[in-house]
Amino acid sequence: MMKMFRTDITKQVSAGSSPPTLVSDCISQAISAEYWINQDKEARAQIFKAKKEEKAVEKQSQPRQNPESNMKGQSSNAG
């Protein structure tokens, strides 16, 4: 009966305290499991997006160095 669901949903439904015995129970538990799996994925995506935006802001706020000025500084220190 559980072969009709995705693996992640099957794991959630079968991991419960009492596995479903009726098809209707199986389907309702699978719907609930899919809802919570999707909520978790959405939350993780939002966290990833926030971290990505934070890194972009940090990168923009760092002062940019001119590569030519680095080369001049290195040549004067070498001599």
Protein backbone atom coordinates (compact mmCIF):
# COMPACT_ATOMS: atom_id res chain seq x y z
CA MET A 1 0.00 0.00 0.00
CA MET A 2 2.87 2.40 0.78
CA LYS A 3 4.63 1.89 -2.57
CA MET A 4 2.48 4.56 -4.18
CA PHE A 5 4.11 7.36 -2.16
CA ARG A 6 7.47 9.06 -2.43
CA THR A 7 10.18 7.58 -0.24
CA ASP A 8 10.29 10.55 2.15
CA ILE A 9 6.52 10.38 2.69
CA THR A 10 6.59 6.61 3.13
CA LYS A 11 9.23 7.00 5.85
CA GLN A 12 7.13 9.59 7.66
CA VAL A 13 3.91 7.58 7.49
CA SER A 14 5.45 4.25 8.45
CA ALA A 15 7.49 5.81 11.28
CA GLY A 16 4.35 6.68 13.24
CA SER A 17 3.35 4.93 16.44
CA SER A 18 0.73 2.87 14.61
CA PRO A 19 1.04 2.25 10.88
CA PRO A 20 -2.16 2.90 8.95
CA THR A 21 -4.33 -0.13 8.23
CA LEU A 22 -6.97 1.54 6.07
CA VAL A 23 -6.26 3.17 2.73
CA SER A 24 -8.04 6.34 3.86
CA ASP A 25 -5.83 6.55 6.98
CA CYS A 26 -2.75 5.99 4.85
CA ILE A 27 -3.72 8.77 2.45
CA SER A 28 -4.57 11.26 5.19
CA GLN A 29 -1.27 10.58 6.97
CA ALA A 30 0.59 10.90 3.66
CA ILE A 31 -1.07 14.25 2.97
CA SER A 32 -0.09 15.47 6.42
CA ALA A 33 3.47 14.21 5.99
CA GLU A 34 3.78 15.90 2.59
CA TYR A 35 2.53 19.18 4.07
CA TRP A 36 5.17 19.15 6.83
CA ILE A 37 7.93 18.05 4.47
CA ASN A 38 7.08 20.98 2.18
CA GLN A 39 6.98 23.38 5.14
CA ASP A 40 10.45 22.22 6.16
CA LYS A 41 11.80 22.63 2.62
CA GLU A 42 10.32 26.12 2.40
CA ALA A 43 11.83 27.14 5.74
CA ARG A 44 15.25 25.84 4.68
CA ALA A 45 15.00 27.70 1.36
CA GLN A 46 14.20 30.95 3.19
CA ILE A 47 17.17 30.48 5.53
CA PHE A 48 19.46 29.76 2.57
CA LYS A 49 18.14 32.82 0.71
CA ALA A 50 18.65 35.05 3.76
CA LYS A 51 22.24 33.83 4.22
CA LYS A 52 22.95 34.37 0.53
CA GLU A 53 21.58 37.92 0.67
CA GLU A 54 23.56 38.61 3.84
CA LYS A 55 26.79 37.51 2.16
CA ALA A 56 26.00 39.69 -0.86
CA VAL A 57 25.49 42.73 1.39
CA GLU A 58 28.74 42.03 3.24
CA LYS A 59 30.60 41.71 -0.04
CA GLN A 60 29.19 45.03 -1.29
CA SER A 61 30.08 46.83 1.92
CA GLN A 62 33.74 45.77 1.83
CA PRO A 63 36.03 48.43 0.39
CA ARG A 64 37.24 47.55 -3.06
CA GLN A 65 40.96 47.60 -3.65
CA ASN A 66 42.49 48.62 -6.90
CA PRO A 67 44.74 45.82 -8.23
CA GLU A 68 47.23 48.42 -9.52
CA SER A 69 47.67 49.93 -6.07
CA ASN A 70 48.47 46.47 -4.69
CA MET A 71 51.14 46.00 -7.34
CA LYS A 72 52.75 49.36 -6.59
CA GLY A 73 52.83 48.57 -2.90
CA GLN A 74 54.48 45.24 -3.52
CA SER A 75 57.17 46.61 -5.85
CA SER A 76 58.17 49.39 -3.43
CA ASN A 77 58.39 46.90 -0.54
CA ALA A 78 60.60 44.55 -2.55
CA GLY A 79 63.40 47.10 -3.14
